[in-house]
Amino acid sequence: FKAFQWRKLGMAGTDVIAVRMSFIGEHGLELHCDRDQVANIFQKLHEADPKLADWGGSAMTSFRLEKSVPLFGKDITKD
């Protein structure tokens, strides 16, 4: 599906909303699910691709800047 669109998916036995968006300059998905299902979904994704890793906001900012993807309010202002 196209950027900034979303779909309801079944993943690891739970309902997930996948949003096609990325703030780091790569194709990506945000996955939204019930809080009690996060660890299960992460485990299943990691089993499918052991290279999957968790990283924080500072890493995301670094990736974004490497790809020259500015954010309004952080890198761009109305001035």
N, C-alpha and C. Protein backbone atom coordinates (compact mmCIF):
# COMPACT_ATOMS: atom_id res chain seq x y z
N PHE A 1 0.83 -1.19 0.00
CA PHE A 1 0.00 0.00 0.00
C PHE A 1 0.87 1.25 0.00
N LYS A 2 0.27 2.38 -0.34
CA LYS A 2 1.03 3.61 -0.54
C LYS A 2 1.40 4.29 0.77
N ALA A 3 2.35 5.21 0.67
CA ALA A 3 2.81 5.97 1.84
C ALA A 3 1.63 6.68 2.51
N PHE A 4 1.64 6.66 3.84
CA PHE A 4 0.65 7.30 4.70
C PHE A 4 -0.74 6.66 4.63
N GLN A 5 -0.81 5.47 4.07
CA GLN A 5 -2.03 4.68 4.13
C GLN A 5 -1.86 3.63 5.23
N TRP A 6 -2.97 3.04 5.65
CA TRP A 6 -2.92 2.03 6.70
C TRP A 6 -3.78 0.85 6.34
N ARG A 7 -3.47 -0.27 6.96
CA ARG A 7 -4.22 -1.50 6.76
C ARG A 7 -4.33 -2.24 8.09
N LYS A 8 -5.43 -2.93 8.28
CA LYS A 8 -5.57 -3.83 9.43
C LYS A 8 -5.00 -5.18 9.01
N LEU A 9 -4.13 -5.73 9.86
CA LEU A 9 -3.49 -7.01 9.58
C LEU A 9 -3.62 -7.94 10.77
N GLY A 10 -3.52 -9.21 10.52
CA GLY A 10 -3.38 -10.18 11.58
C GLY A 10 -1.91 -10.56 11.66
N MET A 11 -1.33 -10.46 12.85
CA MET A 11 0.09 -10.75 13.01
C MET A 11 0.31 -11.41 14.36
N ALA A 12 0.95 -12.56 14.36
CA ALA A 12 1.26 -13.27 15.60
C ALA A 12 0.00 -13.50 16.44
N GLY A 13 -1.11 -13.75 15.76
CA GLY A 13 -2.35 -14.05 16.47
C GLY A 13 -3.07 -12.85 17.05
N THR A 14 -2.72 -11.65 16.63
CA THR A 14 -3.39 -10.45 17.15
C THR A 14 -3.67 -9.47 16.02
N ASP A 15 -4.58 -8.55 16.26
CA ASP A 15 -4.90 -7.51 15.28
C ASP A 15 -3.88 -6.39 15.37
N VAL A 16 -3.41 -5.98 14.20
CA VAL A 16 -2.40 -4.93 14.11
C VAL A 16 -2.85 -3.93 13.06
N ILE A 17 -2.62 -2.66 13.31
CA ILE A 17 -2.80 -1.64 12.28
C ILE A 17 -1.40 -1.27 11.80
N ALA A 18 -1.15 -1.47 10.51
CA ALA A 18 0.14 -1.13 9.91
C ALA A 18 -0.02 0.17 9.13
N VAL A 19 0.83 1.14 9.44
CA VAL A 19 0.81 2.44 8.77
C VAL A 19 2.09 2.55 7.95
N ARG A 20 1.95 2.83 6.67
CA ARG A 20 3.12 2.93 5.79
C ARG A 20 3.70 4.33 5.92
N MET A 21 4.71 4.44 6.76
CA MET A 21 5.36 5.74 6.92
C MET A 21 6.76 5.52 7.49
N SER A 22 7.59 6.49 7.27
CA SER A 22 8.94 6.42 7.81
C SER A 22 9.48 7.83 7.92
N PHE A 23 10.10 8.10 9.04
CA PHE A 23 10.73 9.40 9.23
C PHE A 23 12.24 9.28 9.12
N ILE A 24 12.73 8.15 8.61
CA ILE A 24 14.17 7.96 8.50
C ILE A 24 14.64 7.82 7.06
N GLY A 25 13.75 8.05 6.10
CA GLY A 25 14.16 8.03 4.71
C GLY A 25 14.15 6.65 4.06
N GLU A 26 13.67 5.65 4.75
CA GLU A 26 13.57 4.30 4.21
C GLU A 26 12.09 3.92 4.16
N HIS A 27 11.77 2.93 3.34
CA HIS A 27 10.41 2.40 3.35
C HIS A 27 10.20 1.71 4.69
N GLY A 28 9.09 1.97 5.32
CA GLY A 28 8.87 1.35 6.61
C GLY A 28 7.41 1.32 7.01
N LEU A 29 7.16 0.63 8.08
CA LEU A 29 5.82 0.50 8.64
C LEU A 29 5.87 0.83 10.13
N GLU A 30 4.86 1.51 10.60
CA GLU A 30 4.60 1.60 12.03
C GLU A 30 3.55 0.56 12.34
N LEU A 31 3.77 -0.21 13.38
CA LEU A 31 2.80 -1.23 13.78
C LEU A 31 2.13 -0.79 15.07
N HIS A 32 0.82 -0.78 15.08
CA HIS A 32 0.05 -0.38 16.25
C HIS A 32 -0.80 -1.58 16.70
N CYS A 33 -0.67 -1.91 17.99
CA CYS A 33 -1.41 -3.05 18.53
C CYS A 33 -1.67 -2.80 20.01
N ASP A 34 -2.42 -3.72 20.63
CA ASP A 34 -2.63 -3.63 22.07
C ASP A 34 -1.29 -3.78 22.79
N ARG A 35 -1.12 -3.01 23.84
CA ARG A 35 0.14 -2.98 24.58
C ARG A 35 0.58 -4.37 25.04
N ASP A 36 -0.35 -5.20 25.44
CA ASP A 36 0.03 -6.52 25.96
C ASP A 36 0.48 -7.48 24.85
N GLN A 37 0.40 -7.07 23.60
CA GLN A 37 0.82 -7.91 22.48
C GLN A 37 2.17 -7.50 21.87
N VAL A 38 2.73 -6.39 22.33
CA VAL A 38 3.96 -5.86 21.72
C VAL A 38 5.10 -6.86 21.79
N ALA A 39 5.36 -7.43 22.95
CA ALA A 39 6.49 -8.37 23.10
C ALA A 39 6.30 -9.60 22.22
N ASN A 40 5.09 -10.11 22.13
CA ASN A 40 4.81 -11.26 21.29
C ASN A 40 5.06 -10.95 19.82
N ILE A 41 4.59 -9.81 19.37
CA ILE A 41 4.79 -9.43 17.96
C ILE A 41 6.27 -9.23 17.68
N PHE A 42 6.98 -8.55 18.58
CA PHE A 42 8.41 -8.33 18.38
C PHE A 42 9.15 -9.67 18.31
N GLN A 43 8.80 -10.59 19.18
CA GLN A 43 9.45 -11.91 19.18
C GLN A 43 9.21 -12.62 17.86
N LYS A 44 7.98 -12.60 17.37
CA LYS A 44 7.66 -13.27 16.10
C LYS A 44 8.39 -12.62 14.93
N LEU A 45 8.47 -11.29 14.92
CA LEU A 45 9.20 -10.59 13.86
C LEU A 45 10.69 -10.94 13.92
N HIS A 46 11.24 -10.99 15.14
CA HIS A 46 12.65 -11.32 15.29
C HIS A 46 12.93 -12.76 14.85
N GLU A 47 12.00 -13.67 15.10
CA GLU A 47 12.16 -15.05 14.63
C GLU A 47 12.17 -15.09 13.10
N ALA A 48 11.35 -14.26 12.48
CA ALA A 48 11.29 -14.21 11.01
C ALA A 48 12.54 -13.57 10.41
N ASP A 49 13.13 -12.59 11.13
CA ASP A 49 14.34 -11.92 10.66
C ASP A 49 15.22 -11.59 11.86
N PRO A 50 16.20 -12.43 12.15
CA PRO A 50 17.05 -12.21 13.32
C PRO A 50 17.85 -10.90 13.28
N LYS A 51 17.94 -10.26 12.12
CA LYS A 51 18.65 -8.98 12.03
C LYS A 51 17.83 -7.83 12.63
N LEU A 52 16.54 -8.07 12.87
CA LEU A 52 15.68 -7.04 13.45
C LEU A 52 16.23 -6.64 14.82
N ALA A 53 16.28 -5.35 15.05
CA ALA A 53 16.79 -4.85 16.33
C ALA A 53 15.94 -3.67 16.77
N ASP A 54 15.95 -3.41 18.05
CA ASP A 54 15.27 -2.22 18.55
C ASP A 54 16.32 -1.13 18.76
N TRP A 55 15.93 0.08 18.48
CA TRP A 55 16.81 1.23 18.64
C TRP A 55 15.98 2.43 19.02
N GLY A 56 16.61 3.43 19.58
CA GLY A 56 15.89 4.56 20.14
C GLY A 56 15.78 5.75 19.21
N GLY A 57 15.21 6.81 19.75
CA GLY A 57 14.95 8.02 18.99
C GLY A 57 16.19 8.70 18.47
N SER A 58 17.28 8.64 19.21
CA SER A 58 18.52 9.27 18.75
C SER A 58 19.05 8.58 17.50
N ALA A 59 18.94 7.25 17.47
CA ALA A 59 19.36 6.52 16.27
C ALA A 59 18.46 6.89 15.09
N MET A 60 17.16 7.00 15.34
CA MET A 60 16.24 7.36 14.27
C MET A 60 16.58 8.74 13.70
N THR A 61 16.93 9.68 14.57
CA THR A 61 17.31 11.02 14.11
C THR A 61 18.57 10.94 13.25
N SER A 62 19.52 10.15 13.67
CA SER A 62 20.76 9.99 12.91
C SER A 62 20.49 9.39 11.53
N PHE A 63 19.67 8.35 11.48
CA PHE A 63 19.31 7.74 10.19
C PHE A 63 18.64 8.76 9.27
N ARG A 64 17.73 9.53 9.86
CA ARG A 64 16.98 10.53 9.10
C ARG A 64 17.91 11.59 8.52
N LEU A 65 18.84 12.06 9.32
CA LEU A 65 19.76 13.10 8.86
C LEU A 65 20.72 12.57 7.79
N GLU A 66 21.12 11.29 7.91
CA GLU A 66 21.97 10.69 6.88
C GLU A 66 21.28 10.67 5.52
N LYS A 67 19.95 10.53 5.53
CA LYS A 67 19.17 10.48 4.29
C LYS A 67 18.66 11.86 3.87
N SER A 68 19.03 12.90 4.63
CA SER A 68 18.58 14.28 4.35
C SER A 68 17.06 14.39 4.35
N VAL A 69 16.43 13.81 5.37
CA VAL A 69 14.98 13.90 5.53
C VAL A 69 14.71 14.85 6.70
N PRO A 70 14.42 16.12 6.41
CA PRO A 70 14.18 17.09 7.49
C PRO A 70 12.77 16.96 8.06
N LEU A 71 12.62 17.35 9.31
CA LEU A 71 11.31 17.38 9.97
C LEU A 71 10.92 18.81 10.26
N PHE A 72 9.70 19.15 9.92
CA PHE A 72 9.20 20.48 10.25
C PHE A 72 9.11 20.61 11.77
N GLY A 73 9.62 21.71 12.28
CA GLY A 73 9.61 21.93 13.72
C GLY A 73 10.93 21.55 14.38
N LYS A 74 11.69 20.67 13.75
CA LYS A 74 13.02 20.32 14.26
C LYS A 74 14.10 20.91 13.37
N ASP A 75 14.03 20.62 12.10
CA ASP A 75 15.04 21.05 11.15
C ASP A 75 14.56 22.20 10.27
N ILE A 76 13.26 22.33 10.14
CA ILE A 76 12.65 23.37 9.31
C ILE A 76 11.63 24.11 10.17
N THR A 77 11.66 25.42 10.07
CA THR A 77 10.65 26.21 10.76
C THR A 77 9.96 27.12 9.76
N LYS A 78 8.92 27.77 10.17
CA LYS A 78 8.20 28.65 9.25
C LYS A 78 8.99 29.92 8.94
N ASP A 79 10.05 30.18 9.67
CA ASP A 79 10.88 31.38 9.42
C ASP A 79 11.82 31.16 8.32
